[in-house]
Every structure is written in C-alpha cells, then in structure tokens.
Amino acid sequence: QVQLVESGGGLVQAGGSLRLSCAVSGTVFSSMGWYRQAPGKQREFVAGITNGRTNYADSVKGRFTISRDGAKNTVDLQMNSLKPEDTAVYYCSGLGIARNYWGQGTQVTVSS
C-alpha cells in the first residue's frame, strides 16, 4: 500500500523558516512534488523534483528548496523568508504510473 505522510507544518512569523518532510512507503517515485491549497483557492504547484532536477513556482523561487533522500525515501521542502501569502495546507505528491498519489496535508500558517 502506497502512503505519503507529511510533517513539519506549523505557525511561523513572516520572514521565518519551516522545513516540511514527506515520508513515502510502499513504492519509490521517480517524480515528486509539493503543492499547496489556501482557503478558497485551488490547489497549486509549489516545487517538483525528478531524477535530481528541480523546478519551482515563480512565487517561491529563491525562497524554497526541494530535496530528496533516496535512502530514507523522503522528500523535503525547506521554506525560508516565509510570507503571509504562503499560508496554506501543503501536500506532498508522487507521480505513479496511472495516477498521482497524495499525502493528507500539513498546515502552514505565516503570521504578519
């Protein structure tokens, strides 16, 4: 059974940092990513990593860094210089053969 479990969310002041982690079990994805969904908005792409190559949404470039640990089968998202508009539920995703797999999400709240 494939499972993705996020951790590391919380409340932080603007300008602060958080590190999210996603632990994967049951499979190894070649492509993984982080998405977020703010209240009243659609889920949006934040960052992705495929075979070591990374890409980011323009809104987080230079502030967020995605990384993988193959030995632990985890994918992390280091978030620096956080802004109130980064407030959202953050989801980890893995691209499978026939579908995307999702974690349950972790709340990130940035206060001004």
C-alpha atoms as a PDB file:
ATOM      1  CA  GLN A   1       0.000   0.000   0.000  1.00  0.00           C
ATOM      2  CA  VAL A   2       1.376   3.372  -1.030  1.00  0.00           C
ATOM      3  CA  GLN A   3       1.433   6.024   1.678  1.00  0.00           C
ATOM      4  CA  LEU A   4       2.725   9.577   1.826  1.00  0.00           C
ATOM      5  CA  VAL A   5       2.898  11.240   5.230  1.00  0.00           C
ATOM      6  CA  GLU A   6       3.778  14.905   5.625  1.00  0.00           C
ATOM      7  CA  SER A   7       5.172  16.527   8.739  1.00  0.00           C
ATOM      8  CA  GLY A   8       6.744  19.798   9.803  1.00  0.00           C
ATOM      9  CA  GLY A   9       3.966  22.318   9.360  1.00  0.00           C
ATOM     10  CA  GLY A  10       3.118  24.926  11.949  1.00  0.00           C
ATOM     11  CA  LEU A  11       2.805  28.589  12.785  1.00  0.00           C
ATOM     12  CA  VAL A  12       5.660  30.954  11.992  1.00  0.00           C
ATOM     13  CA  GLN A  13       6.126  34.702  11.757  1.00  0.00           C
ATOM     14  CA  ALA A  14       6.730  36.389   8.440  1.00  0.00           C
ATOM     15  CA  GLY A  15      10.377  36.138   7.494  1.00  0.00           C
ATOM     16  CA  GLY A  16      10.793  32.864   9.327  1.00  0.00           C
ATOM     17  CA  SER A  17      11.536  29.354   8.100  1.00  0.00           C
ATOM     18  CA  LEU A  18       9.948  25.928   8.183  1.00  0.00           C
ATOM     19  CA  ARG A  19      11.006  22.562   6.833  1.00  0.00           C
ATOM     20  CA  LEU A  20       8.384  20.131   5.617  1.00  0.00           C
ATOM     21  CA  SER A  21       9.105  16.459   5.184  1.00  0.00           C
ATOM     22  CA  CYS A  22       7.227  13.742   3.333  1.00  0.00           C
ATOM     23  CA  ALA A  23       7.858  10.088   4.113  1.00  0.00           C
ATOM     24  CA  VAL A  24       6.933   7.623   1.372  1.00  0.00           C
ATOM     25  CA  SER A  25       6.230   3.939   1.882  1.00  0.00           C
ATOM     26  CA  GLY A  26       5.129   1.189  -0.458  1.00  0.00           C
ATOM     27  CA  THR A  27       6.881   2.481  -3.567  1.00  0.00           C
ATOM     28  CA  VAL A  28       9.606   4.736  -4.927  1.00  0.00           C
ATOM     29  CA  PHE A  29       8.510   7.596  -7.146  1.00  0.00           C
ATOM     30  CA  SER A  30      10.777   8.973  -9.840  1.00  0.00           C
ATOM     31  CA  SER A  31       8.939  12.289  -9.730  1.00  0.00           C
ATOM     32  CA  MET A  32       7.692  14.007  -6.607  1.00  0.00           C
ATOM     33  CA  GLY A  33       6.381  17.413  -5.718  1.00  0.00           C
ATOM     34  CA  TRP A  34       4.860  19.742  -3.209  1.00  0.00           C
ATOM     35  CA  TYR A  35       1.554  21.533  -3.746  1.00  0.00           C
ATOM     36  CA  ARG A  36      -0.465  23.874  -1.590  1.00  0.00           C
ATOM     37  CA  GLN A  37      -4.038  24.982  -1.203  1.00  0.00           C
ATOM     38  CA  ALA A  38      -5.061  28.184   0.505  1.00  0.00           C
ATOM     39  CA  PRO A  39      -8.623  28.747   1.767  1.00  0.00           C
ATOM     40  CA  GLY A  40     -10.970  29.457  -1.110  1.00  0.00           C
ATOM     41  CA  LYS A  41      -8.314  28.783  -3.730  1.00  0.00           C
ATOM     42  CA  GLN A  42      -7.383  25.896  -5.988  1.00  0.00           C
ATOM     43  CA  ARG A  43      -4.503  23.618  -5.226  1.00  0.00           C
ATOM     44  CA  GLU A  44      -1.329  24.923  -6.862  1.00  0.00           C
ATOM     45  CA  PHE A  45       2.093  23.578  -7.705  1.00  0.00           C
ATOM     46  CA  VAL A  46       4.941  24.704  -5.449  1.00  0.00           C
ATOM     47  CA  ALA A  47       8.016  22.631  -6.269  1.00  0.00           C
ATOM     48  CA  GLY A  48       8.956  19.402  -8.013  1.00  0.00           C
ATOM     49  CA  ILE A  49      11.928  17.080  -8.298  1.00  0.00           C
ATOM     50  CA  THR A  50      12.532  14.450 -10.980  1.00  0.00           C
ATOM     51  CA  ASN A  51      15.767  12.485 -11.240  1.00  0.00           C
ATOM     52  CA  GLY A  52      17.527  15.233  -9.330  1.00  0.00           C
ATOM     53  CA  ARG A  53      16.171  18.074 -11.435  1.00  0.00           C
ATOM     54  CA  THR A  54      14.109  20.653  -9.586  1.00  0.00           C
ATOM     55  CA  ASN A  55      11.558  23.228 -10.629  1.00  0.00           C
ATOM     56  CA  TYR A  56       9.616  25.827  -8.705  1.00  0.00           C
ATOM     57  CA  ALA A  57       6.630  28.075  -8.946  1.00  0.00           C
ATOM     58  CA  ASP A  58       7.668  31.653  -9.603  1.00  0.00           C
ATOM     59  CA  SER A  59       6.153  32.723  -6.304  1.00  0.00           C
ATOM     60  CA  VAL A  60       8.611  30.616  -4.283  1.00  0.00           C
ATOM     61  CA  LYS A  61      11.774  30.718  -6.397  1.00  0.00           C
ATOM     62  CA  GLY A  62      14.777  31.725  -4.347  1.00  0.00           C
ATOM     63  CA  ARG A  63      12.961  31.084  -1.072  1.00  0.00           C
ATOM     64  CA  PHE A  64      12.002  27.394  -1.160  1.00  0.00           C
ATOM     65  CA  THR A  65      14.213  24.378  -1.823  1.00  0.00           C
ATOM     66  CA  ILE A  66      13.021  20.846  -2.564  1.00  0.00           C
ATOM     67  CA  SER A  67      15.272  17.883  -1.902  1.00  0.00           C
ATOM     68  CA  ARG A  68      15.140  14.092  -1.719  1.00  0.00           C
ATOM     69  CA  ASP A  69      16.789  11.473   0.429  1.00  0.00           C
ATOM     70  CA  GLY A  70      16.800   8.232  -1.528  1.00  0.00           C
ATOM     71  CA  ALA A  71      17.963   6.137   1.391  1.00  0.00           C
ATOM     72  CA  LYS A  72      15.103   7.316   3.584  1.00  0.00           C
ATOM     73  CA  ASN A  73      12.596   7.644   0.703  1.00  0.00           C
ATOM     74  CA  THR A  74      11.669  11.136   1.802  1.00  0.00           C
ATOM     75  CA  VAL A  75      11.233  14.466   0.069  1.00  0.00           C
ATOM     76  CA  ASP A  76      11.674  17.718   1.963  1.00  0.00           C
ATOM     77  CA  LEU A  77      10.705  21.317   1.338  1.00  0.00           C
ATOM     78  CA  GLN A  78      12.835  23.956   3.023  1.00  0.00           C
ATOM     79  CA  MET A  79      10.897  27.194   3.181  1.00  0.00           C
ATOM     80  CA  ASN A  80      12.717  30.436   4.002  1.00  0.00           C
ATOM     81  CA  SER A  81      11.643  34.069   4.067  1.00  0.00           C
ATOM     82  CA  LEU A  82       8.057  32.993   4.546  1.00  0.00           C
ATOM     83  CA  LYS A  83       5.269  35.428   3.732  1.00  0.00           C
ATOM     84  CA  PRO A  84       1.649  35.553   4.921  1.00  0.00           C
ATOM     85  CA  GLU A  85       0.579  34.594   1.394  1.00  0.00           C
ATOM     86  CA  ASP A  86       2.409  31.276   1.842  1.00  0.00           C
ATOM     87  CA  THR A  87      -0.262  30.268   4.337  1.00  0.00           C
ATOM     88  CA  ALA A  88      -1.908  27.088   3.069  1.00  0.00           C
ATOM     89  CA  VAL A  89      -2.222  23.360   3.513  1.00  0.00           C
ATOM     90  CA  TYR A  90       0.835  21.799   1.895  1.00  0.00           C
ATOM     91  CA  TYR A  91       0.553  18.440   0.184  1.00  0.00           C
ATOM     92  CA  CYS A  92       3.218  16.002  -0.896  1.00  0.00           C
ATOM     93  CA  SER A  93       2.611  14.205  -4.177  1.00  0.00           C
ATOM     94  CA  GLY A  94       4.169  11.304  -6.012  1.00  0.00           C
ATOM     95  CA  LEU A  95       3.643  10.606  -9.681  1.00  0.00           C
ATOM     96  CA  GLY A  96       2.691   6.975 -10.229  1.00  0.00           C
ATOM     97  CA  ILE A  97       2.181   5.059 -13.461  1.00  0.00           C
ATOM     98  CA  ALA A  98      -1.560   5.680 -13.649  1.00  0.00           C
ATOM     99  CA  ARG A  99      -2.210   8.412 -11.103  1.00  0.00           C
ATOM    100  CA  ASN A 100      -0.861  10.910  -8.618  1.00  0.00           C
ATOM    101  CA  TYR A 101      -0.636   9.899  -5.003  1.00  0.00           C
ATOM    102  CA  TRP A 102      -1.201  12.438  -2.250  1.00  0.00           C
ATOM    103  CA  GLY A 103      -0.472  12.840   1.419  1.00  0.00           C
ATOM    104  CA  GLN A 104      -3.014  14.104   3.920  1.00  0.00           C
ATOM    105  CA  GLY A 105      -1.515  17.600   4.014  1.00  0.00           C
ATOM    106  CA  THR A 106       0.123  19.730   6.672  1.00  0.00           C
ATOM    107  CA  GLN A 107      -0.948  23.232   7.662  1.00  0.00           C
ATOM    108  CA  VAL A 108       1.489  26.114   7.315  1.00  0.00           C
ATOM    109  CA  THR A 109       0.409  29.435   8.789  1.00  0.00           C
ATOM    110  CA  VAL A 110       2.524  32.566   8.412  1.00  0.00           C
ATOM    111  CA  SER A 111       1.569  35.493  10.617  1.00  0.00           C
ATOM    112  CA  SER A 112       2.307  39.086   9.660  1.00  0.00           C
END
